[in-house]
Amino acid sequence: MSVTQQPAPGSGPGPDAGGDAAAEQLRDRISADSLTTRRDYLRIVATVSGGLAIGGVGVASGILHRHGDSETMPEPKKVTDQLAPGESVAFRFPGDEDRALAVRLGDGSLVAYSAVCTHLACAVLWRDDRGPEGELYCPCHEGVFDARTGEVTAGPPPRPLPRIFLTERNDGSVWAIATARSGEPAKEALCRQFGDSQPEMAQRLGCPGAARADGSRRT
């Protein structure tokens, strides 16, 4: 019997007896089950959506670790014994988990950057066959960065690559000595990290408040 079918005359209690009561109970149960299903569905959707939103905000706002976040001067680290023009080398700096990439451009200039894309943290690679100076490339979403400056030239990355400062010693070895946050001017980054640890260097850079060699401070 369907929930709307009426019993035949003489076959049992009339419509005001158990038939309507049973039908009403069945409708109530179906409605309750539907409400529970809708609530479960909305709870699942809200949980998944919230997780995605938090993850997106974390990447966008820089909650994830980035190069150059430290306020202290990192320990200098040897990158390679030699680096010829047009060559690149992968290394870790300032920490053992921080992927980085150093490149010797065609004119002899040394540049280095974080090898973590500022879009979704995929690996950044060096392509020496792209343009006169090559390019830094993220294959995950076709992100492209200028090799000389680290600025974004194509794709979805929202910020330039964090820079790493290099020095070359008399024996030709290349060393990493400091970092910069994404888009941070070089002088500001170096002054922030040299600070009081290397007052003579900070003074030569003209850092605000740099300590003089005699121990006094600039006003």
Protein backbone atom coordinates (compact mmCIF):
# COMPACT_ATOMS: atom_id res chain seq x y z
CA MET A 1 0.00 0.00 0.00
CA SER A 2 1.40 3.47 -0.88
CA VAL A 3 1.36 6.24 1.66
CA THR A 4 -1.54 7.92 -0.18
CA GLN A 5 -3.63 4.81 -1.00
CA GLN A 6 -6.91 4.44 0.92
CA PRO A 7 -8.11 0.97 2.16
CA ALA A 8 -11.08 -0.60 0.36
CA PRO A 9 -14.46 -0.51 2.12
CA GLY A 10 -14.88 -3.32 4.60
CA SER A 11 -11.24 -4.37 4.38
CA GLY A 12 -10.24 -2.92 7.74
CA PRO A 13 -10.29 0.21 9.84
CA GLY A 14 -11.44 3.39 8.12
CA PRO A 15 -9.24 6.28 7.01
CA ASP A 16 -9.41 7.89 10.44
CA ALA A 17 -7.92 4.82 12.10
CA GLY A 18 -4.40 3.33 11.77
CA GLY A 19 -3.88 4.04 8.04
CA ASP A 20 -3.47 7.80 8.26
CA ALA A 21 -1.43 7.50 11.47
CA ALA A 22 1.01 5.05 9.84
CA ALA A 23 1.30 7.24 6.76
CA GLU A 24 1.99 10.29 8.90
CA GLN A 25 4.69 8.44 10.85
CA LEU A 26 6.33 7.31 7.59
CA ARG A 27 6.32 10.84 6.21
CA ASP A 28 7.85 12.15 9.45
CA ARG A 29 10.59 9.52 9.31
CA ILE A 30 11.40 10.34 5.68
CA SER A 31 11.55 14.06 6.53
CA ALA A 32 13.83 13.41 9.52
CA ASP A 33 16.15 11.24 7.44
CA SER A 34 16.30 13.90 4.73
CA LEU A 35 17.11 16.59 7.29
CA THR A 36 19.88 14.45 8.77
CA THR A 37 21.32 13.82 5.31
CA ARG A 38 21.25 17.53 4.47
CA ARG A 39 22.92 18.41 7.77
CA ASP A 40 25.67 15.81 7.23
CA TYR A 41 26.22 17.08 3.69
CA LEU A 42 26.47 20.70 4.80
CA ARG A 43 28.84 19.75 7.62
CA ILE A 44 31.15 17.91 5.19
CA VAL A 45 31.08 20.77 2.69
CA ALA A 46 31.80 23.33 5.39
CA THR A 47 34.72 21.29 6.73
CA VAL A 48 36.32 20.79 3.32
CA SER A 49 35.73 24.39 2.25
CA GLY A 50 37.17 25.70 5.50
CA GLY A 51 40.27 23.57 5.12
CA LEU A 52 40.84 24.79 1.58
CA ALA A 53 40.33 28.39 2.64
CA ILE A 54 42.79 28.11 5.51
CA GLY A 55 45.35 26.49 3.22
CA GLY A 56 44.93 29.23 0.63
CA VAL A 57 45.26 31.98 3.21
CA GLY A 58 48.35 30.30 4.63
CA VAL A 59 50.12 30.32 1.28
CA ALA A 60 48.95 33.83 0.37
CA SER A 61 49.84 35.44 3.68
CA GLY A 62 53.23 33.76 4.03
CA ILE A 63 52.51 31.50 7.00
CA LEU A 64 54.66 28.88 5.32
CA HIS A 65 58.40 29.19 5.91
CA ARG A 66 60.27 31.38 3.43
CA HIS A 67 63.86 32.35 2.77
CA GLY A 68 65.02 35.44 4.60
CA ASP A 69 62.57 35.24 7.51
CA SER A 70 65.37 35.17 10.08
CA GLU A 71 66.50 38.43 11.67
CA THR A 72 69.95 37.05 12.43
CA MET A 73 72.94 36.71 10.13
CA PRO A 74 73.20 33.15 8.78
CA GLU A 75 76.48 31.28 8.81
CA PRO A 76 78.30 31.67 5.46
CA LYS A 77 78.05 28.51 3.38
CA LYS A 78 80.19 27.29 0.51
CA VAL A 79 78.06 26.84 -2.61
CA THR A 80 80.63 25.44 -5.04
CA ASP A 81 84.35 25.40 -5.83
CA GLN A 82 83.89 26.99 -9.26
CA LEU A 83 80.96 28.25 -11.34
CA ALA A 84 81.51 29.03 -15.02
CA PRO A 85 79.35 31.44 -17.09
CA GLY A 86 76.08 29.84 -18.16
CA GLU A 87 76.22 27.25 -15.37
CA SER A 88 74.00 26.78 -12.33
CA VAL A 89 74.21 24.80 -9.11
CA ALA A 90 71.60 23.77 -6.57
CA PHE A 91 72.40 24.13 -2.87
CA ARG A 92 70.74 24.63 0.54
CA PHE A 93 70.78 27.98 2.34
CA PRO A 94 70.36 29.40 4.94
CA GLY A 95 69.06 26.16 6.47
CA ASP A 96 69.42 22.54 5.42
CA GLU A 97 65.78 22.51 4.29
CA ASP A 98 65.99 25.72 2.23
CA ARG A 99 66.39 24.90 -1.47
CA ALA A 100 68.36 27.46 -3.44
CA LEU A 101 69.85 27.95 -6.90
CA ALA A 102 72.99 29.87 -7.94
CA VAL A 103 73.66 30.96 -11.53
CA ARG A 104 76.64 32.52 -13.27
CA LEU A 105 75.22 34.75 -16.00
CA GLY A 106 76.92 35.19 -19.34
CA ASP A 107 78.62 38.44 -18.32
CA GLY A 108 80.12 36.79 -15.24
CA SER A 109 77.59 38.11 -12.72
CA LEU A 110 76.65 35.79 -9.87
CA VAL A 111 73.01 35.56 -8.79
CA ALA A 112 71.19 33.22 -6.43
CA TYR A 113 67.59 32.79 -5.33
CA SER A 114 65.31 30.58 -3.36
CA ALA A 115 64.42 27.58 -5.53
CA VAL A 116 60.89 27.48 -4.11
CA CYS A 117 58.24 29.08 -6.31
CA THR A 118 56.26 31.86 -4.65
CA HIS A 119 53.03 30.47 -6.12
CA LEU A 120 52.55 27.03 -4.57
CA ALA A 121 56.11 26.14 -3.44
CA CYS A 122 57.06 23.96 -6.41
CA ALA A 123 60.72 23.65 -7.40
CA VAL A 124 62.27 26.37 -9.56
CA LEU A 125 64.70 25.30 -12.30
CA TRP A 126 67.30 27.09 -14.41
CA ARG A 127 66.88 27.04 -18.21
CA ASP A 128 69.95 28.43 -19.95
CA ASP A 129 68.46 28.12 -23.44
CA ARG A 130 65.68 30.66 -22.87
CA GLY A 131 66.64 34.20 -23.85
CA PRO A 132 70.06 35.86 -23.70
CA GLU A 133 70.42 35.29 -19.94
CA GLY A 134 68.30 32.19 -19.49
CA GLU A 135 65.36 32.09 -17.11
CA LEU A 136 64.18 30.63 -13.84
CA TYR A 137 61.20 28.39 -14.46
CA CYS A 138 58.58 26.63 -12.36
CA PRO A 139 57.09 23.72 -14.36
CA CYS A 140 54.09 23.20 -12.06
CA HIS A 141 52.09 26.18 -13.35
CA GLU A 142 54.36 27.74 -15.97
CA GLY A 143 55.80 30.40 -13.67
CA VAL A 144 58.78 32.32 -15.06
CA PHE A 145 61.23 34.60 -13.22
CA ASP A 146 63.87 36.98 -14.54
CA ALA A 147 67.32 35.46 -14.02
CA ARG A 148 69.00 38.77 -13.19
CA THR A 149 66.42 40.19 -10.79
CA GLY A 150 64.16 37.31 -9.68
CA GLU A 151 61.09 39.31 -10.72
CA VAL A 152 58.04 37.50 -12.12
CA THR A 153 57.86 37.68 -15.92
CA ALA A 154 55.09 35.17 -16.66
CA GLY A 155 52.58 32.85 -15.01
CA PRO A 156 50.75 32.93 -11.67
CA PRO A 157 53.52 33.58 -9.08
CA PRO A 158 52.45 36.64 -7.03
CA ARG A 159 55.90 37.70 -5.79
CA PRO A 160 59.54 37.68 -6.95
CA LEU A 161 61.88 34.98 -5.72
CA PRO A 162 63.67 35.72 -2.42
CA ARG A 163 67.27 36.63 -3.18
CA ILE A 164 70.45 35.11 -1.77
CA PHE A 165 73.63 37.17 -1.64
CA LEU A 166 76.84 35.53 -2.86
CA THR A 167 80.52 36.35 -2.65
CA GLU A 168 83.41 34.92 -4.63
CA ARG A 169 86.72 34.32 -2.92
CA ASN A 170 90.21 34.55 -4.40
CA ASP A 171 90.34 30.82 -5.08
CA GLY A 172 87.17 31.03 -7.20
CA SER A 173 84.89 29.39 -4.64
CA VAL A 174 81.38 30.81 -4.30
CA TRP A 175 79.83 31.39 -0.89
CA ALA A 176 76.31 32.32 0.25
CA ILE A 177 76.38 34.95 3.00
CA ALA A 178 72.89 36.49 3.44
CA THR A 179 69.28 36.41 2.24
CA ALA A 180 66.52 38.83 1.34
CA ARG A 181 62.79 38.45 1.67
CA SER A 182 60.72 38.49 -1.48
CA GLY A 183 60.83 42.01 -2.92
CA GLU A 184 63.04 43.36 -0.11
CA PRO A 185 65.67 45.92 -1.22
CA ALA A 186 69.23 44.65 -0.98
CA LYS A 187 70.44 47.34 1.43
CA GLU A 188 67.51 46.83 3.77
CA ALA A 189 68.06 43.07 3.80
CA LEU A 190 71.78 43.34 4.48
CA CYS A 191 71.37 46.00 7.17
CA ARG A 192 68.73 43.88 8.86
CA GLN A 193 71.04 40.90 9.07
CA PHE A 194 74.44 42.53 9.56
CA GLY A 195 73.13 44.77 12.33
CA ASP A 196 75.45 44.68 15.32
CA SER A 197 77.12 41.42 14.29
CA GLN A 198 79.30 43.15 11.67
CA PRO A 199 79.28 46.87 12.58
CA GLU A 200 82.06 47.85 10.16
CA MET A 201 80.17 46.34 7.23
CA ALA A 202 76.91 47.91 8.39
CA GLN A 203 78.64 51.29 8.63
CA ARG A 204 80.10 50.95 5.11
CA LEU A 205 76.63 50.15 3.82
CA GLY A 206 75.26 53.25 5.52
CA CYS A 207 72.78 51.30 7.61
CA PRO A 208 70.60 53.44 9.90
CA GLY A 209 71.91 53.32 13.47
CA ALA A 210 75.01 51.37 12.46
CA ALA A 211 77.65 51.16 15.18
CA ARG A 212 80.89 53.00 14.48
CA ALA A 213 84.24 51.30 14.75
CA ASP A 214 84.83 53.14 18.04
CA GLY A 215 81.64 51.66 19.49
CA SER A 216 79.41 54.74 19.12
CA ARG A 217 76.26 54.81 17.04
CA ARG A 218 75.17 57.04 14.23
CA THR A 219 72.25 59.29 15.04
